[in-house]
Amino acid sequence: MNLRLKSTCFAAIATALILPGMVLAQSVGNNPFNQARDLTNSVGQKAGIANQQSLPSMIGSIINVALGFLGILLLFYMLYAGFLWMTAGGDEKKVQKATSIIQQAIVGLLIIVAAFAVSNFVLGSLINVSYGTP
């Protein structure tokens, strides 16, 4: 690369890195990061999640999110098995593989539902014992 092209690339990169800082420096009272924080807090208060939660309820929320994520993965697993079955074209090995995947997905579904029920019962009882009625 010649010197002129290198200088142009360096100038473009330097401008791209410095320009946002110069723009933010001009708006001291109206900082976009402060605005974003204020808007996020406002949304959290309206959604009812800005309040402090007890440790068991926070753990329960995390477990529910994790189990929900596993449920979504299970859905994609079932869709994949259905796709394999539909595109098998009469091949017995592909059909057997698809049915095996579907059976495994159903077992996974039962495990996820059981884990959800147990975690809700245990954490609900823990909250009830620790803090009174939920």
C-alpha atoms as a PDB file:
ATOM      1  CA  MET A   1       0.000   0.000   0.000  1.00  0.00           C
ATOM      2  CA  ASN A   2       1.317   3.394  -0.834  1.00  0.00           C
ATOM      3  CA  LEU A   3       1.710   6.201   1.666  1.00  0.00           C
ATOM      4  CA  ARG A   4      -1.279   8.229   0.448  1.00  0.00           C
ATOM      5  CA  LEU A   5      -3.708   5.308   0.891  1.00  0.00           C
ATOM      6  CA  LYS A   6      -2.314   4.521   4.339  1.00  0.00           C
ATOM      7  CA  SER A   7      -2.714   8.161   5.427  1.00  0.00           C
ATOM      8  CA  THR A   8      -6.286   8.281   4.116  1.00  0.00           C
ATOM      9  CA  CYS A   9      -7.203   5.063   5.969  1.00  0.00           C
ATOM     10  CA  PHE A  10      -5.582   6.351   9.166  1.00  0.00           C
ATOM     11  CA  ALA A  11      -7.429   9.667   8.907  1.00  0.00           C
ATOM     12  CA  ALA A  12     -10.766   7.906   8.317  1.00  0.00           C
ATOM     13  CA  ILE A  13     -10.283   5.589  11.301  1.00  0.00           C
ATOM     14  CA  ALA A  14      -9.142   8.450  13.558  1.00  0.00           C
ATOM     15  CA  THR A  15     -12.158  10.538  12.525  1.00  0.00           C
ATOM     16  CA  ALA A  16     -14.528   7.631  13.170  1.00  0.00           C
ATOM     17  CA  LEU A  17     -13.078   7.145  16.649  1.00  0.00           C
ATOM     18  CA  ILE A  18     -12.806  10.806  17.698  1.00  0.00           C
ATOM     19  CA  LEU A  19     -15.997  12.285  16.205  1.00  0.00           C
ATOM     20  CA  PRO A  20     -18.486  10.600  18.606  1.00  0.00           C
ATOM     21  CA  GLY A  21     -16.538  11.910  21.586  1.00  0.00           C
ATOM     22  CA  MET A  22     -16.587  15.418  20.186  1.00  0.00           C
ATOM     23  CA  VAL A  23     -20.347  15.261  19.659  1.00  0.00           C
ATOM     24  CA  LEU A  24     -20.961  13.995  23.200  1.00  0.00           C
ATOM     25  CA  ALA A  25     -18.670  16.663  24.648  1.00  0.00           C
ATOM     26  CA  GLN A  26     -20.922  19.415  23.320  1.00  0.00           C
ATOM     27  CA  SER A  27     -24.056  18.241  25.123  1.00  0.00           C
ATOM     28  CA  VAL A  28     -23.046  18.228  28.778  1.00  0.00           C
ATOM     29  CA  GLY A  29     -26.516  18.593  30.324  1.00  0.00           C
ATOM     30  CA  ASN A  30     -28.293  16.449  27.757  1.00  0.00           C
ATOM     31  CA  ASN A  31     -26.021  13.402  27.672  1.00  0.00           C
ATOM     32  CA  PRO A  32     -27.603  10.561  25.653  1.00  0.00           C
ATOM     33  CA  PHE A  33     -26.271   7.985  28.097  1.00  0.00           C
ATOM     34  CA  ASN A  34     -28.063   9.715  30.972  1.00  0.00           C
ATOM     35  CA  GLN A  35     -31.212   9.895  28.872  1.00  0.00           C
ATOM     36  CA  ALA A  36     -30.964   6.163  28.117  1.00  0.00           C
ATOM     37  CA  ARG A  37     -30.516   5.367  31.827  1.00  0.00           C
ATOM     38  CA  ASP A  38     -33.508   7.526  32.763  1.00  0.00           C
ATOM     39  CA  LEU A  39     -35.683   5.954  30.076  1.00  0.00           C
ATOM     40  CA  THR A  40     -34.619   2.457  31.151  1.00  0.00           C
ATOM     41  CA  ASN A  41     -35.482   3.237  34.776  1.00  0.00           C
ATOM     42  CA  SER A  42     -38.851   4.627  33.671  1.00  0.00           C
ATOM     43  CA  VAL A  43     -39.650   1.482  31.698  1.00  0.00           C
ATOM     44  CA  GLY A  44     -38.541  -0.698  34.619  1.00  0.00           C
ATOM     45  CA  GLN A  45     -40.805   1.171  37.012  1.00  0.00           C
ATOM     46  CA  LYS A  46     -43.785   0.898  34.660  1.00  0.00           C
ATOM     47  CA  ALA A  47     -43.125  -2.822  34.191  1.00  0.00           C
ATOM     48  CA  GLY A  48     -42.840  -3.331  37.946  1.00  0.00           C
ATOM     49  CA  ILE A  49     -39.318  -4.733  37.843  1.00  0.00           C
ATOM     50  CA  ALA A  50     -37.499  -1.739  39.271  1.00  0.00           C
ATOM     51  CA  ASN A  51     -38.379  -2.736  42.839  1.00  0.00           C
ATOM     52  CA  GLN A  52     -35.950  -4.741  44.907  1.00  0.00           C
ATOM     53  CA  GLN A  53     -36.794  -8.425  45.054  1.00  0.00           C
ATOM     54  CA  SER A  54     -35.983 -11.008  47.668  1.00  0.00           C
ATOM     55  CA  LEU A  55     -33.260 -13.514  46.891  1.00  0.00           C
ATOM     56  CA  PRO A  56     -35.624 -16.521  46.481  1.00  0.00           C
ATOM     57  CA  SER A  57     -37.875 -14.634  44.068  1.00  0.00           C
ATOM     58  CA  MET A  58     -34.837 -13.462  42.076  1.00  0.00           C
ATOM     59  CA  ILE A  59     -33.543 -17.033  41.888  1.00  0.00           C
ATOM     60  CA  GLY A  60     -37.015 -18.171  40.826  1.00  0.00           C
ATOM     61  CA  SER A  61     -37.046 -15.591  38.047  1.00  0.00           C
ATOM     62  CA  ILE A  62     -33.645 -16.768  36.828  1.00  0.00           C
ATOM     63  CA  ILE A  63     -34.772 -20.411  36.890  1.00  0.00           C
ATOM     64  CA  ASN A  64     -37.968 -19.547  35.001  1.00  0.00           C
ATOM     65  CA  VAL A  65     -35.973 -17.706  32.327  1.00  0.00           C
ATOM     66  CA  ALA A  66     -33.560 -20.634  31.998  1.00  0.00           C
ATOM     67  CA  LEU A  67     -36.416 -23.141  31.716  1.00  0.00           C
ATOM     68  CA  GLY A  68     -38.147 -20.908  29.173  1.00  0.00           C
ATOM     69  CA  PHE A  69     -34.944 -20.817  27.123  1.00  0.00           C
ATOM     70  CA  LEU A  70     -34.745 -24.615  27.288  1.00  0.00           C
ATOM     71  CA  GLY A  71     -38.362 -24.788  26.136  1.00  0.00           C
ATOM     72  CA  ILE A  72     -37.513 -22.639  23.118  1.00  0.00           C
ATOM     73  CA  LEU A  73     -34.569 -24.914  22.321  1.00  0.00           C
ATOM     74  CA  LEU A  74     -36.931 -27.892  22.619  1.00  0.00           C
ATOM     75  CA  LEU A  75     -39.271 -26.263  20.107  1.00  0.00           C
ATOM     76  CA  PHE A  76     -36.456 -25.881  17.588  1.00  0.00           C
ATOM     77  CA  TYR A  77     -35.410 -29.478  18.260  1.00  0.00           C
ATOM     78  CA  MET A  78     -38.941 -30.655  17.468  1.00  0.00           C
ATOM     79  CA  LEU A  79     -39.049 -28.523  14.306  1.00  0.00           C
ATOM     80  CA  TYR A  80     -35.745 -30.027  13.207  1.00  0.00           C
ATOM     81  CA  ALA A  81     -37.086 -33.559  13.791  1.00  0.00           C
ATOM     82  CA  GLY A  82     -40.236 -32.757  11.840  1.00  0.00           C
ATOM     83  CA  PHE A  83     -38.131 -31.362   8.996  1.00  0.00           C
ATOM     84  CA  LEU A  84     -36.054 -34.546   8.963  1.00  0.00           C
ATOM     85  CA  TRP A  85     -39.182 -36.677   8.877  1.00  0.00           C
ATOM     86  CA  MET A  86     -40.816 -34.650   6.094  1.00  0.00           C
ATOM     87  CA  THR A  87     -37.667 -34.713   3.942  1.00  0.00           C
ATOM     88  CA  ALA A  88     -36.906 -38.391   4.574  1.00  0.00           C
ATOM     89  CA  GLY A  89     -38.411 -39.379   1.237  1.00  0.00           C
ATOM     90  CA  GLY A  90     -39.192 -42.925   2.403  1.00  0.00           C
ATOM     91  CA  ASP A  91     -35.720 -43.576   3.840  1.00  0.00           C
ATOM     92  CA  GLU A  92     -36.280 -45.686   6.969  1.00  0.00           C
ATOM     93  CA  LYS A  93     -33.043 -44.587   8.647  1.00  0.00           C
ATOM     94  CA  LYS A  94     -34.013 -40.913   8.442  1.00  0.00           C
ATOM     95  CA  VAL A  95     -37.523 -41.642   9.712  1.00  0.00           C
ATOM     96  CA  GLN A  96     -36.136 -43.658  12.632  1.00  0.00           C
ATOM     97  CA  LYS A  97     -33.708 -40.835  13.426  1.00  0.00           C
ATOM     98  CA  ALA A  98     -36.552 -38.300  13.340  1.00  0.00           C
ATOM     99  CA  THR A  99     -38.782 -40.406  15.587  1.00  0.00           C
ATOM    100  CA  SER A 100     -35.877 -40.888  17.988  1.00  0.00           C
ATOM    101  CA  ILE A 101     -35.338 -37.133  18.137  1.00  0.00           C
ATOM    102  CA  ILE A 102     -39.052 -36.557  18.723  1.00  0.00           C
ATOM    103  CA  GLN A 103     -39.071 -39.118  21.550  1.00  0.00           C
ATOM    104  CA  GLN A 104     -36.046 -37.452  23.140  1.00  0.00           C
ATOM    105  CA  ALA A 105     -37.708 -34.057  22.800  1.00  0.00           C
ATOM    106  CA  ILE A 106     -40.850 -35.318  24.542  1.00  0.00           C
ATOM    107  CA  VAL A 107     -38.736 -36.707  27.396  1.00  0.00           C
ATOM    108  CA  GLY A 108     -36.997 -33.326  27.572  1.00  0.00           C
ATOM    109  CA  LEU A 109     -40.372 -31.604  27.689  1.00  0.00           C
ATOM    110  CA  LEU A 110     -41.445 -33.790  30.615  1.00  0.00           C
ATOM    111  CA  ILE A 111     -38.196 -33.009  32.447  1.00  0.00           C
ATOM    112  CA  ILE A 112     -38.602 -29.256  31.850  1.00  0.00           C
ATOM    113  CA  VAL A 113     -42.219 -29.271  33.066  1.00  0.00           C
ATOM    114  CA  ALA A 114     -41.252 -31.300  36.146  1.00  0.00           C
ATOM    115  CA  ALA A 115     -38.341 -28.953  36.901  1.00  0.00           C
ATOM    116  CA  PHE A 116     -40.644 -25.951  36.540  1.00  0.00           C
ATOM    117  CA  ALA A 117     -43.204 -27.468  38.907  1.00  0.00           C
ATOM    118  CA  VAL A 118     -40.608 -28.442  41.507  1.00  0.00           C
ATOM    119  CA  SER A 119     -38.827 -25.086  41.387  1.00  0.00           C
ATOM    120  CA  ASN A 120     -42.081 -23.153  41.702  1.00  0.00           C
ATOM    121  CA  PHE A 121     -43.191 -25.285  44.640  1.00  0.00           C
ATOM    122  CA  VAL A 122     -39.857 -25.148  46.475  1.00  0.00           C
ATOM    123  CA  LEU A 123     -39.238 -21.448  45.911  1.00  0.00           C
ATOM    124  CA  GLY A 124     -42.856 -20.576  46.695  1.00  0.00           C
ATOM    125  CA  SER A 125     -42.603 -22.501  49.962  1.00  0.00           C
ATOM    126  CA  LEU A 126     -39.267 -20.858  50.740  1.00  0.00           C
ATOM    127  CA  ILE A 127     -40.698 -17.390  50.150  1.00  0.00           C
ATOM    128  CA  ASN A 128     -43.774 -18.256  52.233  1.00  0.00           C
ATOM    129  CA  VAL A 129     -41.673 -19.521  55.142  1.00  0.00           C
ATOM    130  CA  SER A 130     -39.113 -16.712  54.980  1.00  0.00           C
ATOM    131  CA  TYR A 131     -41.244 -13.659  54.263  1.00  0.00           C
ATOM    132  CA  GLY A 132     -44.830 -14.684  54.975  1.00  0.00           C
ATOM    133  CA  THR A 133     -47.455 -15.030  52.249  1.00  0.00           C
ATOM    134  CA  PRO A 134     -46.201 -14.041  48.781  1.00  0.00           C
END
